[in-house]
Each structure stands twice: as structure tokens, then as C-alpha cells.
Amino acid sequence: MESISLSSLAAEKLAEAGRSHSGRAAHTIHGDHTHELRQTVLALLAGHDLSEHDSPGEASLQVLQGHVRLTTGEDTWEGKAGDYVVIPGQRHALHAIEDSVIMLTVLKSLPANH
């Protein structure tokens, strides 16, 4: 059984985000194009955004560190370390209020021929 330290990965991704002009860094810890379940750890520096985008399928967000704001249409959710939310299946955006690390879990549909 393989395991990883989310705390260590969070620190690594925050450091990487600090060196990036985009202010973010990500690492997929589970899943690729052959899996339906994908989990990604994403670091986002304070003041940076993931601009509005379509939902890739059923998804949830867990805040590992920091403080983020998720916006969907007229709805807004703010989360801090330890908070969890199911992402609505509509266009949404994410803003880092503080240097933050989240774990995004997505259940995507595989092509029928897989």
C-alpha cells in the first residue's frame, strides 16, 4: 500500500507556487486518463485565482491549508483548513484569500470505448 504525506506535499507545492509567475502549483496524487477518480493537490498563493471554469463532473474540495473562496453564480462559500464542500455542477471560480492548499477530488466519466 502506497501512502503520501499531504502536509509535506502541501509545503512542497506552496514553495513551488512561490516560484511560479502564476502563483499556483498542482500535483495529481491519484488518477490519470484511465481512471474515473482523480485527486489533485493544488497550491494557490494569496490573491491568485482559478478563473471561472466549467465543472469537470462530480467534484469536491477540501482545504488542507489557508483560506479560499469558491464562487458559483450567485453562491459563495469560504473555507479554511479542515473544511470540505461539494462543488456544484456549474461554472465556478476559486480565489485564495491566504496562501492556500486544497485537495480537489473529481469523478469524471470515461469514454464509452474504455
PDB file of N, CA and C in Angstrom:
ATOM      1  N   MET A   1       0.841  -1.177   0.000  1.00  0.00           N
ATOM      2  CA  MET A   1       0.000   0.000   0.000  1.00  0.00           C
ATOM      3  C   MET A   1       0.891   1.248   0.000  1.00  0.00           C
ATOM      4  N   GLU A   2       0.622   2.152  -0.934  1.00  0.00           N
ATOM      5  CA  GLU A   2       1.430   3.360  -1.048  1.00  0.00           C
ATOM      6  C   GLU A   2       0.708   4.533  -0.388  1.00  0.00           C
ATOM      7  N   SER A   3       1.443   5.307   0.396  1.00  0.00           N
ATOM      8  CA  SER A   3       0.840   6.481   1.015  1.00  0.00           C
ATOM      9  C   SER A   3       1.762   7.681   0.836  1.00  0.00           C
ATOM     10  N   ILE A   4       1.183   8.869   1.006  1.00  0.00           N
ATOM     11  CA  ILE A   4       1.960  10.097   0.929  1.00  0.00           C
ATOM     12  C   ILE A   4       1.558  11.001   2.090  1.00  0.00           C
ATOM     13  N   SER A   5       2.412  11.929   2.411  1.00  0.00           N
ATOM     14  CA  SER A   5       2.099  12.926   3.432  1.00  0.00           C
ATOM     15  C   SER A   5       1.494  14.147   2.741  1.00  0.00           C
ATOM     16  N   LEU A   6       0.216  14.414   3.005  1.00  0.00           N
ATOM     17  CA  LEU A   6      -0.413  15.581   2.412  1.00  0.00           C
ATOM     18  C   LEU A   6       0.216  16.865   2.946  1.00  0.00           C
ATOM     19  N   SER A   7       0.656  16.850   4.200  1.00  0.00           N
ATOM     20  CA  SER A   7       1.299  18.030   4.789  1.00  0.00           C
ATOM     21  C   SER A   7       2.604  18.354   4.072  1.00  0.00           C
ATOM     22  N   SER A   8       3.418  17.331   3.820  1.00  0.00           N
ATOM     23  CA  SER A   8       4.686  17.542   3.115  1.00  0.00           C
ATOM     24  C   SER A   8       4.439  17.987   1.682  1.00  0.00           C
ATOM     25  N   LEU A   9       3.473  17.358   1.011  1.00  0.00           N
ATOM     26  CA  LEU A   9       3.157  17.724  -0.367  1.00  0.00           C
ATOM     27  C   LEU A   9       2.629  19.157  -0.425  1.00  0.00           C
ATOM     28  N   ALA A  10       1.813  19.541   0.556  1.00  0.00           N
ATOM     29  CA  ALA A  10       1.283  20.914   0.607  1.00  0.00           C
ATOM     30  C   ALA A  10       2.420  21.918   0.709  1.00  0.00           C
ATOM     31  N   ALA A  11       3.372  21.666   1.585  1.00  0.00           N
ATOM     32  CA  ALA A  11       4.514  22.578   1.752  1.00  0.00           C
ATOM     33  C   ALA A  11       5.327  22.663   0.467  1.00  0.00           C
ATOM     34  N   GLU A  12       5.540  21.523  -0.174  1.00  0.00           N
ATOM     35  CA  GLU A  12       6.296  21.473  -1.432  1.00  0.00           C
ATOM     36  C   GLU A  12       5.592  22.272  -2.530  1.00  0.00           C
ATOM     37  N   LYS A  13       4.274  22.106  -2.650  1.00  0.00           N
ATOM     38  CA  LYS A  13       3.518  22.800  -3.698  1.00  0.00           C
ATOM     39  C   LYS A  13       3.433  24.295  -3.417  1.00  0.00           C
ATOM     40  N   LEU A  14       3.330  24.706  -2.152  1.00  0.00           N
ATOM     41  CA  LEU A  14       3.327  26.138  -1.831  1.00  0.00           C
ATOM     42  C   LEU A  14       4.660  26.775  -2.210  1.00  0.00           C
ATOM     43  N   ALA A  15       5.749  26.085  -1.923  1.00  0.00           N
ATOM     44  CA  ALA A  15       7.074  26.597  -2.298  1.00  0.00           C
ATOM     45  C   ALA A  15       7.178  26.724  -3.817  1.00  0.00           C
ATOM     46  N   GLU A  16       6.681  25.731  -4.520  1.00  0.00           N
ATOM     47  CA  GLU A  16       6.704  25.749  -5.983  1.00  0.00           C
ATOM     48  C   GLU A  16       5.839  26.896  -6.522  1.00  0.00           C
ATOM     49  N   ALA A  17       4.673  27.109  -5.911  1.00  0.00           N
ATOM     50  CA  ALA A  17       3.786  28.207  -6.327  1.00  0.00           C
ATOM     51  C   ALA A  17       4.474  29.550  -6.135  1.00  0.00           C
ATOM     52  N   GLY A  18       5.276  29.664  -5.073  1.00  0.00           N
ATOM     53  CA  GLY A  18       6.002  30.894  -4.799  1.00  0.00           C
ATOM     54  C   GLY A  18       7.037  31.224  -5.865  1.00  0.00           C
ATOM     55  N   ARG A  19       7.501  30.211  -6.564  1.00  0.00           N
ATOM     56  CA  ARG A  19       8.494  30.409  -7.633  1.00  0.00           C
ATOM     57  C   ARG A  19       7.840  30.575  -9.010  1.00  0.00           C
ATOM     58  N   SER A  20       6.528  30.402  -9.064  1.00  0.00           N
ATOM     59  CA  SER A  20       5.800  30.435 -10.335  1.00  0.00           C
ATOM     60  C   SER A  20       5.146  31.798 -10.541  1.00  0.00           C
ATOM     61  N   HIS A  21       5.212  32.322 -11.772  1.00  0.00           N
ATOM     62  CA  HIS A  21       4.563  33.605 -12.046  1.00  0.00           C
ATOM     63  C   HIS A  21       3.038  33.500 -11.949  1.00  0.00           C
ATOM     64  N   SER A  22       2.495  32.288 -12.080  1.00  0.00           N
ATOM     65  CA  SER A  22       1.040  32.108 -11.989  1.00  0.00           C
ATOM     66  C   SER A  22       0.559  32.053 -10.542  1.00  0.00           C
ATOM     67  N   GLY A  23       1.512  31.880  -9.603  1.00  0.00           N
ATOM     68  CA  GLY A  23       1.128  31.811  -8.192  1.00  0.00           C
ATOM     69  C   GLY A  23       0.423  30.532  -7.815  1.00  0.00           C
ATOM     70  N   ARG A  24       0.628  29.476  -8.621  1.00  0.00           N
ATOM     71  CA  ARG A  24      -0.011  28.198  -8.295  1.00  0.00           C
ATOM     72  C   ARG A  24       0.862  27.033  -8.730  1.00  0.00           C
ATOM     73  N   ALA A  25       0.581  25.890  -8.112  1.00  0.00           N
ATOM     74  CA  ALA A  25       1.270  24.644  -8.456  1.00  0.00           C
ATOM     75  C   ALA A  25       0.342  23.500  -8.085  1.00  0.00           C
ATOM     76  N   ALA A  26       0.387  22.435  -8.864  1.00  0.00           N
ATOM     77  CA  ALA A  26      -0.512  21.310  -8.622  1.00  0.00           C
ATOM     78  C   ALA A  26       0.204  19.987  -8.845  1.00  0.00           C
ATOM     79  N   HIS A  27      -0.316  18.958  -8.186  1.00  0.00           N
ATOM     80  CA  HIS A  27       0.204  17.603  -8.363  1.00  0.00           C
ATOM     81  C   HIS A  27      -0.957  16.625  -8.222  1.00  0.00           C
ATOM     82  N   THR A  28      -1.171  15.803  -9.228  1.00  0.00           N
ATOM     83  CA  THR A  28      -2.217  14.783  -9.159  1.00  0.00           C
ATOM     84  C   THR A  28      -1.680  13.607  -8.349  1.00  0.00           C
ATOM     85  N   ILE A  29      -2.357  13.309  -7.248  1.00  0.00           N
ATOM     86  CA  ILE A  29      -1.893  12.226  -6.375  1.00  0.00           C
ATOM     87  C   ILE A  29      -2.556  10.897  -6.714  1.00  0.00           C
ATOM     88  N   HIS A  30      -3.678  10.953  -7.440  1.00  0.00           N
ATOM     89  CA  HIS A  30      -4.327   9.715  -7.872  1.00  0.00           C
ATOM     90  C   HIS A  30      -5.094   9.992  -9.150  1.00  0.00           C
ATOM     91  N   GLY A  31      -5.009   9.059 -10.072  1.00  0.00           N
ATOM     92  CA  GLY A  31      -5.818   9.125 -11.281  1.00  0.00           C
ATOM     93  C   GLY A  31      -5.065   9.671 -12.470  1.00  0.00           C
ATOM     94  N   ASP A  32      -5.420   9.164 -13.626  1.00  0.00           N
ATOM     95  CA  ASP A  32      -4.922   9.660 -14.902  1.00  0.00           C
ATOM     96  C   ASP A  32      -6.039   9.439 -15.903  1.00  0.00           C
ATOM     97  N   HIS A  33      -5.741   9.463 -17.168  1.00  0.00           N
ATOM     98  CA  HIS A  33      -6.794   9.337 -18.180  1.00  0.00           C
ATOM     99  C   HIS A  33      -7.493   7.982 -18.164  1.00  0.00           C
ATOM    100  N   THR A  34      -6.959   6.997 -17.465  1.00  0.00           N
ATOM    101  CA  THR A  34      -7.596   5.679 -17.400  1.00  0.00           C
ATOM    102  C   THR A  34      -8.438   5.496 -16.140  1.00  0.00           C
ATOM    103  N   HIS A  35      -8.473   6.489 -15.265  1.00  0.00           N
ATOM    104  CA  HIS A  35      -9.226   6.400 -14.012  1.00  0.00           C
ATOM    105  C   HIS A  35     -10.434   7.334 -14.029  1.00  0.00           C
ATOM    106  N   GLU A  36     -11.472   6.936 -13.337  1.00  0.00           N
ATOM    107  CA  GLU A  36     -12.631   7.804 -13.183  1.00  0.00           C
ATOM    108  C   GLU A  36     -12.431   8.778 -12.029  1.00  0.00           C
ATOM    109  N   LEU A  37     -11.684   8.371 -11.006  1.00  0.00           N
ATOM    110  CA  LEU A  37     -11.443   9.218  -9.841  1.00  0.00           C
ATOM    111  C   LEU A  37     -10.087   9.893  -9.981  1.00  0.00           C
ATOM    112  N   ARG A  38     -10.078  11.213  -9.825  1.00  0.00           N
ATOM    113  CA  ARG A  38      -8.820  11.963  -9.875  1.00  0.00           C
ATOM    114  C   ARG A  38      -8.748  12.859  -8.639  1.00  0.00           C
ATOM    115  N   GLN A  39      -7.599  12.832  -7.967  1.00  0.00           N
ATOM    116  CA  GLN A  39      -7.376  13.697  -6.812  1.00  0.00           C
ATOM    117  C   GLN A  39      -6.115  14.507  -7.058  1.00  0.00           C
ATOM    118  N   THR A  40      -6.247  15.812  -6.898  1.00  0.00           N
ATOM    119  CA  THR A  40      -5.154  16.737  -7.169  1.00  0.00           C
ATOM    120  C   THR A  40      -4.962  17.666  -5.984  1.00  0.00           C
ATOM    121  N   VAL A  41      -3.711  17.836  -5.563  1.00  0.00           N
ATOM    122  CA  VAL A  41      -3.369  18.813  -4.539  1.00  0.00           C
ATOM    123  C   VAL A  41      -2.929  20.073  -5.280  1.00  0.00           C
ATOM    124  N   LEU A  42      -3.558  21.196  -4.942  1.00  0.00           N
ATOM    125  CA  LEU A  42      -3.319  22.457  -5.635  1.00  0.00           C
ATOM    126  C   LEU A  42      -2.966  23.538  -4.625  1.00  0.00           C
ATOM    127  N   ALA A  43      -1.839  24.196  -4.838  1.00  0.00           N
ATOM    128  CA  ALA A  43      -1.426  25.337  -4.016  1.00  0.00           C
ATOM    129  C   ALA A  43      -1.707  26.606  -4.798  1.00  0.00           C
ATOM    130  N   LEU A  44      -2.244  27.609  -4.102  1.00  0.00           N
ATOM    131  CA  LEU A  44      -2.599  28.878  -4.713  1.00  0.00           C
ATOM    132  C   LEU A  44      -2.197  29.986  -3.746  1.00  0.00           C
ATOM    133  N   LEU A  45      -1.331  30.891  -4.217  1.00  0.00           N
ATOM    134  CA  LEU A  45      -0.876  31.975  -3.349  1.00  0.00           C
ATOM    135  C   LEU A  45      -1.980  33.001  -3.123  1.00  0.00           C
ATOM    136  N   ALA A  46      -1.919  33.702  -1.994  1.00  0.00           N
ATOM    137  CA  ALA A  46      -2.902  34.725  -1.647  1.00  0.00           C
ATOM    138  C   ALA A  46      -3.093  35.706  -2.791  1.00  0.00           C
ATOM    139  N   GLY A  47      -4.355  35.993  -3.092  1.00  0.00           N
ATOM    140  CA  GLY A  47      -4.674  36.946  -4.144  1.00  0.00           C
ATOM    141  C   GLY A  47      -4.760  36.360  -5.537  1.00  0.00           C
ATOM    142  N   HIS A  48      -4.396  35.094  -5.697  1.00  0.00           N
ATOM    143  CA  HIS A  48      -4.457  34.441  -7.009  1.00  0.00           C
ATOM    144  C   HIS A  48      -5.770  33.671  -7.159  1.00  0.00           C
ATOM    145  N   ASP A  49      -6.113  33.400  -8.408  1.00  0.00           N
ATOM    146  CA  ASP A  49      -7.395  32.769  -8.719  1.00  0.00           C
ATOM    147  C   ASP A  49      -7.244  31.617  -9.693  1.00  0.00           C
ATOM    148  N   LEU A  50      -8.218  30.732  -9.637  1.00  0.00           N
ATOM    149  CA  LEU A  50      -8.502  29.833 -10.752  1.00  0.00           C
ATOM    150  C   LEU A  50      -9.743  30.467 -11.356  1.00  0.00           C
ATOM    151  N   SER A  51      -9.609  31.101 -12.504  1.00  0.00           N
ATOM    152  CA  SER A  51     -10.728  31.842 -13.078  1.00  0.00           C
ATOM    153  C   SER A  51     -11.905  30.909 -13.364  1.00  0.00           C
ATOM    154  N   GLU A  52     -13.042  31.513 -13.607  1.00  0.00           N
ATOM    155  CA  GLU A  52     -14.274  30.751 -13.796  1.00  0.00           C
ATOM    156  C   GLU A  52     -14.098  29.693 -14.879  1.00  0.00           C
ATOM    157  N   HIS A  53     -14.544  28.487 -14.561  1.00  0.00           N
ATOM    158  CA  HIS A  53     -14.428  27.371 -15.499  1.00  0.00           C
ATOM    159  C   HIS A  53     -15.595  26.411 -15.293  1.00  0.00           C
ATOM    160  N   ASP A  54     -15.829  25.564 -16.280  1.00  0.00           N
ATOM    161  CA  ASP A  54     -16.909  24.582 -16.194  1.00  0.00           C
ATOM    162  C   ASP A  54     -16.539  23.471 -15.239  1.00  0.00           C
ATOM    163  N   SER A  55     -17.546  22.848 -14.672  1.00  0.00           N
ATOM    164  CA  SER A  55     -17.336  21.716 -13.788  1.00  0.00           C
ATOM    165  C   SER A  55     -16.965  20.493 -14.619  1.00  0.00           C
ATOM    166  N   PRO A  56     -15.913  19.762 -14.203  1.00  0.00           N
ATOM    167  CA  PRO A  56     -15.487  18.590 -14.969  1.00  0.00           C
ATOM    168  C   PRO A  56     -16.288  17.334 -14.641  1.00  0.00           C
ATOM    169  N   GLY A  57     -17.262  17.428 -13.760  1.00  0.00           N
ATOM    170  CA  GLY A  57     -18.033  16.279 -13.295  1.00  0.00           C
ATOM    171  C   GLY A  57     -18.248  16.427 -11.799  1.00  0.00           C
ATOM    172  N   GLU A  58     -18.670  15.350 -11.155  1.00  0.00           N
ATOM    173  CA  GLU A  58     -18.839  15.428  -9.706  1.00  0.00           C
ATOM    174  C   GLU A  58     -17.497  15.760  -9.077  1.00  0.00           C
ATOM    175  N   ALA A  59     -17.505  16.728  -8.142  1.00  0.00           N
ATOM    176  CA  ALA A  59     -16.242  17.164  -7.560  1.00  0.00           C
ATOM    177  C   ALA A  59     -16.440  17.671  -6.132  1.00  0.00           C
ATOM    178  N   SER A  60     -15.370  17.546  -5.361  1.00  0.00           N
ATOM    179  CA  SER A  60     -15.370  18.106  -4.011  1.00  0.00           C
ATOM    180  C   SER A  60     -14.026  18.791  -3.772  1.00  0.00           C
ATOM    181  N   LEU A  61     -14.024  19.681  -2.798  1.00  0.00           N
ATOM    182  CA  LEU A  61     -12.841  20.445  -2.469  1.00  0.00           C
ATOM    183  C   LEU A  61     -12.639  20.360  -0.962  1.00  0.00           C
ATOM    184  N   GLN A  62     -11.432  20.028  -0.549  1.00  0.00           N
ATOM    185  CA  GLN A  62     -11.069  20.005   0.869  1.00  0.00           C
ATOM    186  C   GLN A  62      -9.910  20.972   1.053  1.00  0.00           C
ATOM    187  N   VAL A  63     -10.053  21.893   2.004  1.00  0.00           N
ATOM    188  CA  VAL A  63      -8.988  22.856   2.275  1.00  0.00           C
ATOM    189  C   VAL A  63      -7.993  22.203   3.231  1.00  0.00           C
ATOM    190  N   LEU A  64      -6.751  22.063   2.773  1.00  0.00           N
ATOM    191  CA  LEU A  64      -5.704  21.479   3.608  1.00  0.00           C
ATOM    192  C   LEU A  64      -4.988  22.562   4.416  1.00  0.00           C
ATOM    193  N   GLN A  65      -4.921  23.758   3.840  1.00  0.00           N
ATOM    194  CA  GLN A  65      -4.184  24.854   4.470  1.00  0.00           C
ATOM    195  C   GLN A  65      -4.692  26.166   3.884  1.00  0.00           C
ATOM    196  N   GLY A  66      -4.783  27.214   4.708  1.00  0.00           N
ATOM    197  CA  GLY A  66      -5.129  28.535   4.212  1.00  0.00           C
ATOM    198  C   GLY A  66      -6.607  28.852   4.258  1.00  0.00           C
ATOM    199  N   HIS A  67      -7.051  29.709   3.323  1.00  0.00           N
ATOM    200  CA  HIS A  67      -8.417  30.240   3.305  1.00  0.00           C
ATOM    201  C   HIS A  67      -8.763  30.560   1.855  1.00  0.00           C
ATOM    202  N   VAL A  68      -9.823  29.944   1.345  1.00  0.00           N
ATOM    203  CA  VAL A  68     -10.228  30.120  -0.047  1.00  0.00           C
ATOM    204  C   VAL A  68     -11.694  30.518  -0.156  1.00  0.00           C
ATOM    205  N   ARG A  69     -12.033  31.069  -1.318  1.00  0.00           N
ATOM    206  CA  ARG A  69     -13.425  31.416  -1.619  1.00  0.00           C
ATOM    207  C   ARG A  69     -13.804  30.759  -2.939  1.00  0.00           C
ATOM    208  N   LEU A  70     -14.871  29.957  -2.916  1.00  0.00           N
ATOM    209  CA  LEU A  70     -15.416  29.303  -4.106  1.00  0.00           C
ATOM    210  C   LEU A  70     -16.683  30.050  -4.492  1.00  0.00           C
ATOM    211  N   THR A  71     -16.772  30.461  -5.756  1.00  0.00           N
ATOM    212  CA  THR A  71     -17.928  31.211  -6.225  1.00  0.00           C
ATOM    213  C   THR A  71     -18.572  30.482  -7.392  1.00  0.00           C
ATOM    214  N   THR A  72     -19.893  30.300  -7.304  1.00  0.00           N
ATOM    215  CA  THR A  72     -20.673  29.708  -8.394  1.00  0.00           C
ATOM    216  C   THR A  72     -21.909  30.580  -8.580  1.00  0.00           C
ATOM    217  N   GLY A  73     -21.990  31.263  -9.709  1.00  0.00           N
ATOM    218  CA  GLY A  73     -23.144  32.136  -9.947  1.00  0.00           C
ATOM    219  C   GLY A  73     -23.294  33.135  -8.813  1.00  0.00           C
ATOM    220  N   GLU A  74     -24.437  33.077  -8.132  1.00  0.00           N
ATOM    221  CA  GLU A  74     -24.711  33.991  -7.023  1.00  0.00           C
ATOM    222  C   GLU A  74     -24.267  33.417  -5.679  1.00  0.00           C
ATOM    223  N   ASP A  75     -23.784  32.194  -5.662  1.00  0.00           N
ATOM    224  CA  ASP A  75     -23.451  31.489  -4.426  1.00  0.00           C
ATOM    225  C   ASP A  75     -21.955  31.594  -4.124  1.00  0.00           C
ATOM    226  N   THR A  76     -21.624  31.799  -2.850  1.00  0.00           N
ATOM    227  CA  THR A  76     -20.230  31.894  -2.421  1.00  0.00           C
ATOM    228  C   THR A  76     -20.022  31.048  -1.179  1.00  0.00           C
ATOM    229  N   TRP A  77     -18.889  30.363  -1.133  1.00  0.00           N
ATOM    230  CA  TRP A  77     -18.504  29.560   0.032  1.00  0.00           C
ATOM    231  C   TRP A  77     -17.073  29.903   0.376  1.00  0.00           C
ATOM    232  N   GLU A  78     -16.808  30.092   1.675  1.00  0.00           N
ATOM    233  CA  GLU A  78     -15.441  30.305   2.131  1.00  0.00           C
ATOM    234  C   GLU A  78     -15.046  29.144   3.026  1.00  0.00           C
ATOM    235  N   GLY A  79     -13.839  28.642   2.813  1.00  0.00           N
ATOM    236  CA  GLY A  79     -13.361  27.517   3.599  1.00  0.00           C
ATOM    237  C   GLY A  79     -11.958  27.745   4.101  1.00  0.00           C
ATOM    238  N   LYS A  80     -11.703  27.189   5.290  1.00  0.00           N
ATOM    239  CA  LYS A  80     -10.372  27.228   5.895  1.00  0.00           C
ATOM    240  C   LYS A  80      -9.917  25.797   6.146  1.00  0.00           C
ATOM    241  N   ALA A  81      -8.684  25.634   6.614  1.00  0.00           N
ATOM    242  CA  ALA A  81      -8.114  24.303   6.834  1.00  0.00           C
ATOM    243  C   ALA A  81      -9.099  23.386   7.542  1.00  0.00           C
ATOM    244  N   GLY A  82      -9.308  22.211   6.944  1.00  0.00           N
ATOM    245  CA  GLY A  82     -10.215  21.223   7.516  1.00  0.00           C
ATOM    246  C   GLY A  82     -11.620  21.280   6.951  1.00  0.00           C
ATOM    247  N   ASP A  83     -11.956  22.330   6.189  1.00  0.00           N
ATOM    248  CA  ASP A  83     -13.297  22.457   5.622  1.00  0.00           C
ATOM    249  C   ASP A  83     -13.402  21.697   4.303  1.00  0.00           C
ATOM    250  N   TYR A  84     -14.638  21.301   3.991  1.00  0.00           N
ATOM    251  CA  TYR A  84     -14.920  20.462   2.826  1.00  0.00           C
ATOM    252  C   TYR A  84     -16.227  20.941   2.206  1.00  0.00           C
ATOM    253  N   VAL A  85     -16.282  20.927   0.878  1.00  0.00           N
ATOM    254  CA  VAL A  85     -17.518  21.294   0.190  1.00  0.00           C
ATOM    255  C   VAL A  85     -17.627  20.479  -1.104  1.00  0.00           C
ATOM    256  N   VAL A  86     -18.862  20.123  -1.452  1.00  0.00           N
ATOM    257  CA  VAL A  86     -19.131  19.522  -2.756  1.00  0.00           C
ATOM    258  C   VAL A  86     -19.301  20.681  -3.732  1.00  0.00           C
ATOM    259  N   ILE A  87     -18.580  20.641  -4.832  1.00  0.00           N
ATOM    260  CA  ILE A  87     -18.626  21.719  -5.820  1.00  0.00           C
ATOM    261  C   ILE A  87     -19.855  21.533  -6.704  1.00  0.00           C
ATOM    262  N   PRO A  88     -20.716  22.555  -6.782  1.00  0.00           N
ATOM    263  CA  PRO A  88     -21.902  22.437  -7.640  1.00  0.00           C
ATOM    264  C   PRO A  88     -21.509  22.199  -9.094  1.00  0.00           C
ATOM    265  N   GLY A  89     -22.340  21.516  -9.827  1.00  0.00           N
ATOM    266  CA  GLY A  89     -22.054  21.173 -11.218  1.00  0.00           C
ATOM    267  C   GLY A  89     -22.324  22.304 -12.183  1.00  0.00           C
ATOM    268  N   GLN A  90     -21.779  23.468 -11.907  1.00  0.00           N
ATOM    269  CA  GLN A  90     -21.932  24.631 -12.784  1.00  0.00           C
ATOM    270  C   GLN A  90     -20.618  25.395 -12.814  1.00  0.00           C
ATOM    271  N   ARG A  91     -20.534  26.416 -13.652  1.00  0.00           N
ATOM    272  CA  ARG A  91     -19.307  27.212 -13.734  1.00  0.00           C
ATOM    273  C   ARG A  91     -18.967  27.764 -12.352  1.00  0.00           C
ATOM    274  N   HIS A  92     -17.670  27.751 -12.057  1.00  0.00           N
ATOM    275  CA  HIS A  92     -17.232  28.216 -10.741  1.00  0.00           C
ATOM    276  C   HIS A  92     -15.811  28.763 -10.827  1.00  0.00           C
ATOM    277  N   ALA A  93     -15.433  29.491  -9.778  1.00  0.00           N
ATOM    278  CA  ALA A  93     -14.088  30.068  -9.699  1.00  0.00           C
ATOM    279  C   ALA A  93     -13.596  29.900  -8.268  1.00  0.00           C
ATOM    280  N   LEU A  94     -12.272  29.901  -8.101  1.00  0.00           N
ATOM    281  CA  LEU A  94     -11.669  29.758  -6.781  1.00  0.00           C
ATOM    282  C   LEU A  94     -10.678  30.898  -6.571  1.00  0.00           C
ATOM    283  N   HIS A  95     -10.744  31.522  -5.402  1.00  0.00           N
ATOM    284  CA  HIS A  95      -9.856  32.630  -5.046  1.00  0.00           C
ATOM    285  C   HIS A  95      -9.162  32.297  -3.730  1.00  0.00           C
ATOM    286  N   ALA A  96      -7.849  32.510  -3.673  1.00  0.00           N
ATOM    287  CA  ALA A  96      -7.095  32.292  -2.439  1.00  0.00           C
ATOM    288  C   ALA A  96      -7.063  33.591  -1.637  1.00  0.00           C
ATOM    289  N   ILE A  97      -7.684  33.584  -0.477  1.00  0.00           N
ATOM    290  CA  ILE A  97      -7.676  34.738   0.421  1.00  0.00           C
ATOM    291  C   ILE A  97      -6.332  34.794   1.142  1.00  0.00           C
ATOM    292  N   GLU A  98      -5.802  33.618   1.470  1.00  0.00           N
ATOM    293  CA  GLU A  98      -4.466  33.466   2.057  1.00  0.00           C
ATOM    294  C   GLU A  98      -3.723  32.463   1.181  1.00  0.00           C
ATOM    295  N   ASP A  99      -2.400  32.334   1.369  1.00  0.00           N
ATOM    296  CA  ASP A  99      -1.689  31.230   0.730  1.00  0.00           C
ATOM    297  C   ASP A  99      -2.431  29.954   1.127  1.00  0.00           C
ATOM    298  N   SER A 100      -2.825  29.160   0.157  1.00  0.00           N
ATOM    299  CA  SER A 100      -3.714  28.031   0.434  1.00  0.00           C
ATOM    300  C   SER A 100      -3.311  26.783  -0.336  1.00  0.00           C
ATOM    301  N   VAL A 101      -3.709  25.644   0.212  1.00  0.00           N
ATOM    302  CA  VAL A 101      -3.553  24.360  -0.468  1.00  0.00           C
ATOM    303  C   VAL A 101      -4.874  23.621  -0.322  1.00  0.00           C
ATOM    304  N   ILE A 102      -5.377  23.119  -1.445  1.00  0.00           N
ATOM    305  CA  ILE A 102      -6.624  22.354  -1.436  1.00  0.00           C
ATOM    306  C   ILE A 102      -6.387  20.985  -2.052  1.00  0.00           C
ATOM    307  N   MET A 103      -7.281  20.058  -1.751  1.00  0.00           N
ATOM    308  CA  MET A 103      -7.307  18.790  -2.471  1.00  0.00           C
ATOM    309  C   MET A 103      -8.624  18.751  -3.229  1.00  0.00           C
ATOM    310  N   LEU A 104      -8.503  18.655  -4.533  1.00  0.00           N
ATOM    311  CA  LEU A 104      -9.659  18.588  -5.409  1.00  0.00           C
ATOM    312  C   LEU A 104      -9.866  17.132  -5.806  1.00  0.00           C
ATOM    313  N   THR A 105     -11.081  16.639  -5.588  1.00  0.00           N
ATOM    314  CA  THR A 105     -11.434  15.276  -5.970  1.00  0.00           C
ATOM    315  C   THR A 105     -12.502  15.359  -7.050  1.00  0.00           C
ATOM    316  N   VAL A 106     -12.249  14.710  -8.187  1.00  0.00           N
ATOM    317  CA  VAL A 106     -13.173  14.762  -9.316  1.00  0.00           C
ATOM    318  C   VAL A 106     -13.493  13.339  -9.757  1.00  0.00           C
ATOM    319  N   LEU A 107     -14.768  13.077  -9.970  1.00  0.00           N
ATOM    320  CA  LEU A 107     -15.220  11.818 -10.554  1.00  0.00           C
ATOM    321  C   LEU A 107     -15.629  12.152 -11.973  1.00  0.00           C
ATOM    322  N   LYS A 108     -14.846  11.672 -12.924  1.00  0.00           N
ATOM    323  CA  LYS A 108     -15.136  12.001 -14.315  1.00  0.00           C
ATOM    324  C   LYS A 108     -15.617  10.771 -15.060  1.00  0.00           C
ATOM    325  N   SER A 109     -16.351  10.987 -16.094  1.00  0.00           N
ATOM    326  CA  SER A 109     -16.840   9.876 -16.924  1.00  0.00           C
ATOM    327  C   SER A 109     -15.771   9.503 -17.935  1.00  0.00           C
ATOM    328  N   LEU A 110     -15.513   8.231 -18.038  1.00  0.00           N
ATOM    329  CA  LEU A 110     -14.557   7.744 -19.034  1.00  0.00           C
ATOM    330  C   LEU A 110     -15.280   7.573 -20.366  1.00  0.00           C
ATOM    331  N   PRO A 111     -14.562   7.689 -21.469  1.00  0.00           N
ATOM    332  CA  PRO A 111     -15.177   7.441 -22.770  1.00  0.00           C
ATOM    333  C   PRO A 111     -15.776   6.030 -22.816  1.00  0.00           C
ATOM    334  N   ALA A 112     -16.852   5.864 -23.559  1.00  0.00           N
ATOM    335  CA  ALA A 112     -17.567   4.583 -23.626  1.00  0.00           C
ATOM    336  C   ALA A 112     -16.708   3.437 -24.127  1.00  0.00           C
ATOM    337  N   ASN A 113     -15.704   3.721 -24.961  1.00  0.00           N
ATOM    338  CA  ASN A 113     -14.886   2.651 -25.530  1.00  0.00           C
ATOM    339  C   ASN A 113     -13.775   2.197 -24.582  1.00  0.00           C
ATOM    340  N   HIS A 114     -13.687   2.759 -23.379  1.00  0.00           N
ATOM    341  CA  HIS A 114     -12.636   2.368 -22.442  1.00  0.00           C
ATOM    342  C   HIS A 114     -12.969   1.049 -21.778  1.00  0.00           C
TER     343      HIS A 114
END
